[in-house]
């Protein structure tokens, strides 16, 4: 572990900015968020950074460290500095910059508001009874901390800015948790296809690779959901029946 490292941190706002260098003393177990806080405390108090729990559970300190979306509180300095002892920290690229490392992720909350919540018929006995297999299937999805790293790395949102047509991996997970719930009585396939835009995903698994909770976003949420949608919207017999009903 080096005694001192260089951090290249993005400084700026929506109008533009640049990378600024800082030298930080290190110590065993130091994480990138510690280094950022050290800069704030002793070198530049104007550096803006969002964080809360420092325990990798609030999802607030998302950033791009050496070009990869990570939680800064979970990223050890010794694991990411290069041969020259340099770490580059930039804000998430899929969302508008507010200031420095803080981005505006409010679009995600607007999308969340459009998703109908769990709907259980009134005649289902309370308390609810579920098979363990059904519990396990949806429990994984509930681990999401909404760090939006998956949204940031999604090429549909990041490279093509198709927020007008695709909700992104985080909400594919949310919709899967509802659609696969054995007690939910909503049919969400039309919403997935027509509104959430699941067809835009081409299964690159990049979202799955950056998830700090190790949720199998592609394997367990997106692919099963795409199969459900394909059964309804791409089966030739069902396509013909839909056309006949509309005519």
C-alpha atoms as a PDB file:
ATOM      1  CA  UNK A   1       0.000   0.000   0.000  1.00  0.00           C
ATOM      2  CA  UNK A   2       1.386   3.400  -0.963  1.00  0.00           C
ATOM      3  CA  UNK A   3       1.762   6.156   1.644  1.00  0.00           C
ATOM      4  CA  UNK A   4       0.314   8.713  -0.772  1.00  0.00           C
ATOM      5  CA  UNK A   5      -1.806   8.498  -3.914  1.00  0.00           C
ATOM      6  CA  UNK A   6      -3.094  10.915  -6.528  1.00  0.00           C
ATOM      7  CA  UNK A   7      -6.819  11.328  -7.096  1.00  0.00           C
ATOM      8  CA  UNK A   8      -8.053  12.843 -10.324  1.00  0.00           C
ATOM      9  CA  UNK A   9     -11.546  14.031  -9.499  1.00  0.00           C
ATOM     10  CA  UNK A  10     -14.050  15.597 -11.862  1.00  0.00           C
ATOM     11  CA  UNK A  11     -15.007  19.149 -10.880  1.00  0.00           C
ATOM     12  CA  UNK A  12     -17.810  20.955 -12.655  1.00  0.00           C
ATOM     13  CA  UNK A  13     -21.532  21.220 -13.266  1.00  0.00           C
ATOM     14  CA  UNK A  14     -24.040  20.985 -16.104  1.00  0.00           C
ATOM     15  CA  UNK A  15     -22.225  23.721 -18.043  1.00  0.00           C
ATOM     16  CA  UNK A  16     -18.925  21.820 -18.092  1.00  0.00           C
ATOM     17  CA  UNK A  17     -15.905  21.004 -15.988  1.00  0.00           C
ATOM     18  CA  UNK A  18     -12.489  19.404 -15.783  1.00  0.00           C
ATOM     19  CA  UNK A  19     -10.475  16.882 -13.803  1.00  0.00           C
ATOM     20  CA  UNK A  20      -8.506  18.216 -10.833  1.00  0.00           C
ATOM     21  CA  UNK A  21      -5.675  16.405  -9.059  1.00  0.00           C
ATOM     22  CA  UNK A  22      -5.312  15.910  -5.301  1.00  0.00           C
ATOM     23  CA  UNK A  23      -2.651  14.115  -3.249  1.00  0.00           C
ATOM     24  CA  UNK A  24      -4.026  12.038  -0.363  1.00  0.00           C
ATOM     25  CA  UNK A  25      -2.278  10.152   2.438  1.00  0.00           C
ATOM     26  CA  UNK A  26      -3.447   6.555   2.636  1.00  0.00           C
ATOM     27  CA  UNK A  27      -3.912   4.005   5.408  1.00  0.00           C
ATOM     28  CA  UNK A  28      -4.792   0.284   5.512  1.00  0.00           C
ATOM     29  CA  UNK A  29      -8.397  -0.437   4.614  1.00  0.00           C
ATOM     30  CA  UNK A  30      -8.979   2.989   3.086  1.00  0.00           C
ATOM     31  CA  UNK A  31     -11.803   3.177   0.532  1.00  0.00           C
ATOM     32  CA  UNK A  32     -12.278   5.709  -2.245  1.00  0.00           C
ATOM     33  CA  UNK A  33     -15.007   7.491  -0.288  1.00  0.00           C
ATOM     34  CA  UNK A  34     -12.527   7.997   2.583  1.00  0.00           C
ATOM     35  CA  UNK A  35     -10.132   9.639   0.135  1.00  0.00           C
ATOM     36  CA  UNK A  36     -12.869  11.933  -1.180  1.00  0.00           C
ATOM     37  CA  UNK A  37     -13.860  12.903   2.356  1.00  0.00           C
ATOM     38  CA  UNK A  38     -10.212  13.604   3.186  1.00  0.00           C
ATOM     39  CA  UNK A  39     -10.078  16.027   0.258  1.00  0.00           C
ATOM     40  CA  UNK A  40     -13.251  17.710   1.493  1.00  0.00           C
ATOM     41  CA  UNK A  41     -11.928  17.976   5.056  1.00  0.00           C
ATOM     42  CA  UNK A  42      -8.387  19.209   4.451  1.00  0.00           C
ATOM     43  CA  UNK A  43      -7.989  20.429   0.886  1.00  0.00           C
ATOM     44  CA  UNK A  44     -11.199  21.560  -0.788  1.00  0.00           C
ATOM     45  CA  UNK A  45     -14.454  21.807   1.127  1.00  0.00           C
ATOM     46  CA  UNK A  46     -16.340  22.775  -2.042  1.00  0.00           C
ATOM     47  CA  UNK A  47     -16.024  19.286  -3.558  1.00  0.00           C
ATOM     48  CA  UNK A  48     -19.562  17.895  -3.842  1.00  0.00           C
ATOM     49  CA  UNK A  49     -20.185  14.196  -3.209  1.00  0.00           C
ATOM     50  CA  UNK A  50     -23.320  12.334  -2.169  1.00  0.00           C
ATOM     51  CA  UNK A  51     -23.033   9.630   0.518  1.00  0.00           C
ATOM     52  CA  UNK A  52     -24.917   8.428   3.587  1.00  0.00           C
ATOM     53  CA  UNK A  53     -24.343   5.060   5.252  1.00  0.00           C
ATOM     54  CA  UNK A  54     -20.750   4.181   4.227  1.00  0.00           C
ATOM     55  CA  UNK A  55     -21.869   0.553   4.484  1.00  0.00           C
ATOM     56  CA  UNK A  56     -22.793  -0.175   0.844  1.00  0.00           C
ATOM     57  CA  UNK A  57     -26.509  -0.232   1.625  1.00  0.00           C
ATOM     58  CA  UNK A  58     -27.837   3.240   0.805  1.00  0.00           C
ATOM     59  CA  UNK A  59     -26.529   3.364  -2.766  1.00  0.00           C
ATOM     60  CA  UNK A  60     -25.749   7.083  -2.518  1.00  0.00           C
ATOM     61  CA  UNK A  61     -22.013   7.144  -3.273  1.00  0.00           C
ATOM     62  CA  UNK A  62     -22.174   5.780  -6.813  1.00  0.00           C
ATOM     63  CA  UNK A  63     -19.456   7.043  -9.135  1.00  0.00           C
ATOM     64  CA  UNK A  64     -17.174   5.906 -11.922  1.00  0.00           C
ATOM     65  CA  UNK A  65     -13.833   4.857 -10.456  1.00  0.00           C
ATOM     66  CA  UNK A  66     -11.198   4.324 -13.143  1.00  0.00           C
ATOM     67  CA  UNK A  67     -14.019   4.209 -15.674  1.00  0.00           C
ATOM     68  CA  UNK A  68     -16.078   1.517 -13.939  1.00  0.00           C
ATOM     69  CA  UNK A  69     -19.334   2.219 -12.056  1.00  0.00           C
ATOM     70  CA  UNK A  70     -18.779   1.407  -8.378  1.00  0.00           C
ATOM     71  CA  UNK A  71     -19.861   2.286  -4.861  1.00  0.00           C
ATOM     72  CA  UNK A  72     -17.038   4.430  -3.506  1.00  0.00           C
ATOM     73  CA  UNK A  73     -17.595   3.158   0.038  1.00  0.00           C
ATOM     74  CA  UNK A  74     -17.084  -0.424  -1.132  1.00  0.00           C
ATOM     75  CA  UNK A  75     -14.038   0.198  -3.325  1.00  0.00           C
ATOM     76  CA  UNK A  76     -10.700  -0.178  -1.556  1.00  0.00           C
ATOM     77  CA  UNK A  77      -8.030   2.277  -2.622  1.00  0.00           C
ATOM     78  CA  UNK A  78      -5.359  -0.420  -2.767  1.00  0.00           C
ATOM     79  CA  UNK A  79      -7.423  -2.407  -5.270  1.00  0.00           C
ATOM     80  CA  UNK A  80      -7.945   0.349  -7.837  1.00  0.00           C
ATOM     81  CA  UNK A  81      -4.927   2.665  -7.988  1.00  0.00           C
ATOM     82  CA  UNK A  82      -2.732   2.107 -11.014  1.00  0.00           C
ATOM     83  CA  UNK A  83       1.041   1.626 -11.269  1.00  0.00           C
ATOM     84  CA  UNK A  84       1.580   5.361 -10.826  1.00  0.00           C
ATOM     85  CA  UNK A  85      -0.612   5.475  -7.722  1.00  0.00           C
ATOM     86  CA  UNK A  86      -3.455   7.322  -9.489  1.00  0.00           C
ATOM     87  CA  UNK A  87      -7.231   6.913  -9.101  1.00  0.00           C
ATOM     88  CA  UNK A  88      -9.691   8.684 -11.397  1.00  0.00           C
ATOM     89  CA  UNK A  89     -13.158   9.485 -10.032  1.00  0.00           C
ATOM     90  CA  UNK A  90     -15.940  10.770 -12.286  1.00  0.00           C
ATOM     91  CA  UNK A  91     -19.711  11.108 -11.856  1.00  0.00           C
ATOM     92  CA  UNK A  92     -22.139   8.609 -13.404  1.00  0.00           C
ATOM     93  CA  UNK A  93     -22.414   9.346 -17.119  1.00  0.00           C
ATOM     94  CA  UNK A  94     -26.016   8.304 -17.746  1.00  0.00           C
ATOM     95  CA  UNK A  95     -27.500  11.140 -15.702  1.00  0.00           C
ATOM     96  CA  UNK A  96     -27.210  14.953 -15.756  1.00  0.00           C
ATOM     97  CA  UNK A  97     -24.492  16.419 -13.546  1.00  0.00           C
ATOM     98  CA  UNK A  98     -25.619  18.694 -10.750  1.00  0.00           C
ATOM     99  CA  UNK A  99     -22.166  19.420  -9.379  1.00  0.00           C
ATOM    100  CA  UNK A 100     -18.867  17.508  -9.265  1.00  0.00           C
ATOM    101  CA  UNK A 101     -19.677  13.878  -8.341  1.00  0.00           C
ATOM    102  CA  UNK A 102     -23.384  14.519  -7.717  1.00  0.00           C
ATOM    103  CA  UNK A 103     -25.800  13.666 -10.523  1.00  0.00           C
ATOM    104  CA  UNK A 104     -29.552  14.073 -10.940  1.00  0.00           C
ATOM    105  CA  UNK A 105     -31.122  10.608 -10.743  1.00  0.00           C
ATOM    106  CA  UNK A 106     -34.692  11.886 -10.328  1.00  0.00           C
ATOM    107  CA  UNK A 107     -35.702  10.304 -13.657  1.00  0.00           C
ATOM    108  CA  UNK A 108     -35.503   6.921 -11.934  1.00  0.00           C
ATOM    109  CA  UNK A 109     -38.012   7.960  -9.290  1.00  0.00           C
ATOM    110  CA  UNK A 110     -40.392   9.237 -11.947  1.00  0.00           C
ATOM    111  CA  UNK A 111     -40.248   5.842 -13.647  1.00  0.00           C
ATOM    112  CA  UNK A 112     -40.850   4.076 -10.332  1.00  0.00           C
ATOM    113  CA  UNK A 113     -44.075   6.053  -9.854  1.00  0.00           C
ATOM    114  CA  UNK A 114     -45.518   4.644 -13.081  1.00  0.00           C
ATOM    115  CA  UNK A 115     -45.195   1.009 -11.967  1.00  0.00           C
ATOM    116  CA  UNK A 116     -48.312  -0.373 -10.307  1.00  0.00           C
ATOM    117  CA  UNK A 117     -47.559  -1.789  -6.838  1.00  0.00           C
ATOM    118  CA  UNK A 118     -48.165  -5.332  -5.674  1.00  0.00           C
ATOM    119  CA  UNK A 119     -51.855  -6.176  -6.016  1.00  0.00           C
ATOM    120  CA  UNK A 120     -53.252  -9.077  -3.994  1.00  0.00           C
ATOM    121  CA  UNK A 121     -56.962  -9.956  -4.335  1.00  0.00           C
ATOM    122  CA  UNK A 122     -59.097  -9.339  -1.252  1.00  0.00           C
ATOM    123  CA  UNK A 123     -60.199 -12.960  -1.116  1.00  0.00           C
ATOM    124  CA  UNK A 124     -56.649 -14.275  -0.583  1.00  0.00           C
ATOM    125  CA  UNK A 125     -56.439 -15.457   3.060  1.00  0.00           C
ATOM    126  CA  UNK A 126     -54.368 -13.400   5.478  1.00  0.00           C
ATOM    127  CA  UNK A 127     -51.664 -13.817   6.585  1.00  0.00           C
ATOM    128  CA  UNK A 128     -50.282 -14.724   3.185  1.00  0.00           C
ATOM    129  CA  UNK A 129     -48.943 -18.232   2.650  1.00  0.00           C
ATOM    130  CA  UNK A 130     -46.281 -18.864   0.014  1.00  0.00           C
ATOM    131  CA  UNK A 131     -44.110 -21.757  -1.017  1.00  0.00           C
ATOM    132  CA  UNK A 132     -40.429 -21.314  -0.171  1.00  0.00           C
ATOM    133  CA  UNK A 133     -39.520 -21.610  -3.864  1.00  0.00           C
ATOM    134  CA  UNK A 134     -41.730 -18.597  -4.619  1.00  0.00           C
ATOM    135  CA  UNK A 135     -40.235 -16.631  -1.728  1.00  0.00           C
ATOM    136  CA  UNK A 136     -36.697 -17.351  -2.902  1.00  0.00           C
ATOM    137  CA  UNK A 137     -37.498 -16.368  -6.475  1.00  0.00           C
ATOM    138  CA  UNK A 138     -38.520 -12.798  -5.626  1.00  0.00           C
ATOM    139  CA  UNK A 139     -36.384 -12.286  -2.523  1.00  0.00           C
ATOM    140  CA  UNK A 140     -33.236 -11.759  -4.590  1.00  0.00           C
ATOM    141  CA  UNK A 141     -34.809  -8.797  -6.370  1.00  0.00           C
ATOM    142  CA  UNK A 142     -35.695  -7.113  -3.067  1.00  0.00           C
ATOM    143  CA  UNK A 143     -31.985  -6.724  -2.283  1.00  0.00           C
ATOM    144  CA  UNK A 144     -31.717  -3.795  -4.721  1.00  0.00           C
ATOM    145  CA  UNK A 145     -30.362  -0.664  -2.979  1.00  0.00           C
ATOM    146  CA  UNK A 146     -31.093   1.642  -5.943  1.00  0.00           C
ATOM    147  CA  UNK A 147     -27.502   2.719  -6.427  1.00  0.00           C
ATOM    148  CA  UNK A 148     -28.354   2.945 -10.162  1.00  0.00           C
ATOM    149  CA  UNK A 149     -24.989   1.548 -11.218  1.00  0.00           C
ATOM    150  CA  UNK A 150     -26.875  -0.839 -13.488  1.00  0.00           C
ATOM    151  CA  UNK A 151     -28.756   2.082 -15.023  1.00  0.00           C
ATOM    152  CA  UNK A 152     -25.479   3.894 -15.621  1.00  0.00           C
ATOM    153  CA  UNK A 153     -23.756   1.006 -17.379  1.00  0.00           C
ATOM    154  CA  UNK A 154     -26.775   0.087 -19.515  1.00  0.00           C
ATOM    155  CA  UNK A 155     -25.811   0.986 -23.084  1.00  0.00           C
ATOM    156  CA  UNK A 156     -29.436   1.797 -24.006  1.00  0.00           C
ATOM    157  CA  UNK A 157     -29.529   4.571 -21.403  1.00  0.00           C
ATOM    158  CA  UNK A 158     -25.847   5.554 -21.425  1.00  0.00           C
ATOM    159  CA  UNK A 159     -24.837   5.430 -25.084  1.00  0.00           C
ATOM    160  CA  UNK A 160     -28.190   5.993 -26.781  1.00  0.00           C
ATOM    161  CA  UNK A 161     -30.010   8.000 -24.087  1.00  0.00           C
ATOM    162  CA  UNK A 162     -33.250   6.117 -24.754  1.00  0.00           C
ATOM    163  CA  UNK A 163     -34.877   7.083 -21.481  1.00  0.00           C
ATOM    164  CA  UNK A 164     -37.927   7.821 -23.593  1.00  0.00           C
ATOM    165  CA  UNK A 165     -38.328   4.141 -24.442  1.00  0.00           C
ATOM    166  CA  UNK A 166     -36.586   1.962 -21.868  1.00  0.00           C
ATOM    167  CA  UNK A 167     -36.898   1.872 -18.090  1.00  0.00           C
ATOM    168  CA  UNK A 168     -33.508   0.240 -17.553  1.00  0.00           C
ATOM    169  CA  UNK A 169     -32.313  -2.811 -15.592  1.00  0.00           C
ATOM    170  CA  UNK A 170     -33.269  -1.517 -12.162  1.00  0.00           C
ATOM    171  CA  UNK A 171     -36.921  -1.418 -13.166  1.00  0.00           C
ATOM    172  CA  UNK A 172     -36.771  -4.676 -15.058  1.00  0.00           C
ATOM    173  CA  UNK A 173     -35.830  -6.102 -11.650  1.00  0.00           C
ATOM    174  CA  UNK A 174     -38.701  -4.307  -9.944  1.00  0.00           C
ATOM    175  CA  UNK A 175     -41.204  -5.476 -12.539  1.00  0.00           C
ATOM    176  CA  UNK A 176     -39.887  -9.046 -12.324  1.00  0.00           C
ATOM    177  CA  UNK A 177     -40.305  -9.009  -8.541  1.00  0.00           C
ATOM    178  CA  UNK A 178     -43.975  -8.133  -9.043  1.00  0.00           C
ATOM    179  CA  UNK A 179     -44.683 -10.259 -12.110  1.00  0.00           C
ATOM    180  CA  UNK A 180     -43.180 -13.360 -10.497  1.00  0.00           C
ATOM    181  CA  UNK A 181     -44.928 -12.868  -7.172  1.00  0.00           C
ATOM    182  CA  UNK A 182     -47.390 -15.771  -6.799  1.00  0.00           C
ATOM    183  CA  UNK A 183     -50.070 -13.618  -5.159  1.00  0.00           C
ATOM    184  CA  UNK A 184     -50.012 -10.638  -7.518  1.00  0.00           C
ATOM    185  CA  UNK A 185     -53.018 -10.516  -9.840  1.00  0.00           C
ATOM    186  CA  UNK A 186     -51.776  -7.890 -12.297  1.00  0.00           C
ATOM    187  CA  UNK A 187     -50.850  -8.759 -15.877  1.00  0.00           C
ATOM    188  CA  UNK A 188     -47.707  -6.699 -16.466  1.00  0.00           C
ATOM    189  CA  UNK A 189     -46.681  -8.108 -19.849  1.00  0.00           C
ATOM    190  CA  UNK A 190     -48.273  -5.319 -21.863  1.00  0.00           C
ATOM    191  CA  UNK A 191     -46.604  -2.728 -19.631  1.00  0.00           C
ATOM    192  CA  UNK A 192     -43.230  -4.471 -20.008  1.00  0.00           C
ATOM    193  CA  UNK A 193     -43.565  -4.559 -23.785  1.00  0.00           C
ATOM    194  CA  UNK A 194     -45.297  -1.301 -24.636  1.00  0.00           C
ATOM    195  CA  UNK A 195     -44.184   1.078 -21.878  1.00  0.00           C
ATOM    196  CA  UNK A 196     -41.095  -0.216 -20.074  1.00  0.00           C
ATOM    197  CA  UNK A 197     -39.490  -1.211 -23.383  1.00  0.00           C
ATOM    198  CA  UNK A 198     -38.003  -4.556 -22.419  1.00  0.00           C
ATOM    199  CA  UNK A 199     -37.353  -5.247 -26.100  1.00  0.00           C
ATOM    200  CA  UNK A 200     -34.524  -2.697 -26.075  1.00  0.00           C
ATOM    201  CA  UNK A 201     -32.366  -4.944 -23.871  1.00  0.00           C
ATOM    202  CA  UNK A 202     -30.091  -7.223 -25.895  1.00  0.00           C
ATOM    203  CA  UNK A 203     -28.745  -9.259 -22.953  1.00  0.00           C
ATOM    204  CA  UNK A 204     -25.179  -7.942 -22.675  1.00  0.00           C
ATOM    205  CA  UNK A 205     -25.187  -8.638 -18.901  1.00  0.00           C
ATOM    206  CA  UNK A 206     -23.200  -5.456 -18.204  1.00  0.00           C
ATOM    207  CA  UNK A 207     -25.781  -4.435 -15.583  1.00  0.00           C
ATOM    208  CA  UNK A 208     -25.401  -7.758 -13.809  1.00  0.00           C
ATOM    209  CA  UNK A 209     -21.618  -7.391 -13.643  1.00  0.00           C
ATOM    210  CA  UNK A 210     -21.669  -4.089 -11.712  1.00  0.00           C
ATOM    211  CA  UNK A 211     -24.448  -4.857  -9.207  1.00  0.00           C
ATOM    212  CA  UNK A 212     -22.976  -4.508  -5.675  1.00  0.00           C
ATOM    213  CA  UNK A 213     -25.677  -6.841  -4.318  1.00  0.00           C
ATOM    214  CA  UNK A 214     -24.796  -9.454  -6.953  1.00  0.00           C
ATOM    215  CA  UNK A 215     -28.376  -9.669  -8.182  1.00  0.00           C
ATOM    216  CA  UNK A 216     -28.556 -11.791 -11.336  1.00  0.00           C
ATOM    217  CA  UNK A 217     -30.355  -9.017 -13.162  1.00  0.00           C
ATOM    218  CA  UNK A 218     -30.112 -10.474 -16.652  1.00  0.00           C
ATOM    219  CA  UNK A 219     -30.317 -14.170 -15.865  1.00  0.00           C
ATOM    220  CA  UNK A 220     -33.092 -14.114 -13.276  1.00  0.00           C
ATOM    221  CA  UNK A 221     -35.098 -10.978 -14.103  1.00  0.00           C
ATOM    222  CA  UNK A 222     -34.691  -9.745 -17.676  1.00  0.00           C
ATOM    223  CA  UNK A 223     -34.470 -13.037 -19.567  1.00  0.00           C
ATOM    224  CA  UNK A 224     -37.521 -14.636 -17.844  1.00  0.00           C
ATOM    225  CA  UNK A 225     -39.478 -11.413 -18.390  1.00  0.00           C
ATOM    226  CA  UNK A 226     -38.520 -11.304 -22.063  1.00  0.00           C
ATOM    227  CA  UNK A 227     -39.658 -14.924 -22.401  1.00  0.00           C
ATOM    228  CA  UNK A 228     -43.039 -14.062 -20.854  1.00  0.00           C
ATOM    229  CA  UNK A 229     -43.436 -11.127 -23.229  1.00  0.00           C
ATOM    230  CA  UNK A 230     -42.334 -13.201 -26.239  1.00  0.00           C
ATOM    231  CA  UNK A 231     -44.921 -15.867 -25.434  1.00  0.00           C
ATOM    232  CA  UNK A 232     -47.671 -13.258 -25.748  1.00  0.00           C
ATOM    233  CA  UNK A 233     -46.409 -10.780 -28.344  1.00  0.00           C
ATOM    234  CA  UNK A 234     -44.349 -12.893 -30.712  1.00  0.00           C
ATOM    235  CA  UNK A 235     -46.306 -16.139 -30.842  1.00  0.00           C
ATOM    236  CA  UNK A 236     -47.863 -16.090 -34.371  1.00  0.00           C
ATOM    237  CA  UNK A 237     -51.210 -17.513 -33.237  1.00  0.00           C
ATOM    238  CA  UNK A 238     -51.594 -14.958 -30.459  1.00  0.00           C
ATOM    239  CA  UNK A 239     -50.518 -12.154 -32.813  1.00  0.00           C
ATOM    240  CA  UNK A 240     -53.267 -13.172 -35.240  1.00  0.00           C
ATOM    241  CA  UNK A 241     -55.878 -13.342 -32.475  1.00  0.00           C
ATOM    242  CA  UNK A 242     -54.955  -9.849 -31.293  1.00  0.00           C
ATOM    243  CA  UNK A 243     -55.338  -8.471 -34.784  1.00  0.00           C
ATOM    244  CA  UNK A 244     -58.749 -10.141 -35.159  1.00  0.00           C
ATOM    245  CA  UNK A 245     -59.933  -8.697 -31.843  1.00  0.00           C
ATOM    246  CA  UNK A 246     -58.848  -5.193 -32.892  1.00  0.00           C
ATOM    247  CA  UNK A 247     -60.566  -5.403 -36.293  1.00  0.00           C
END
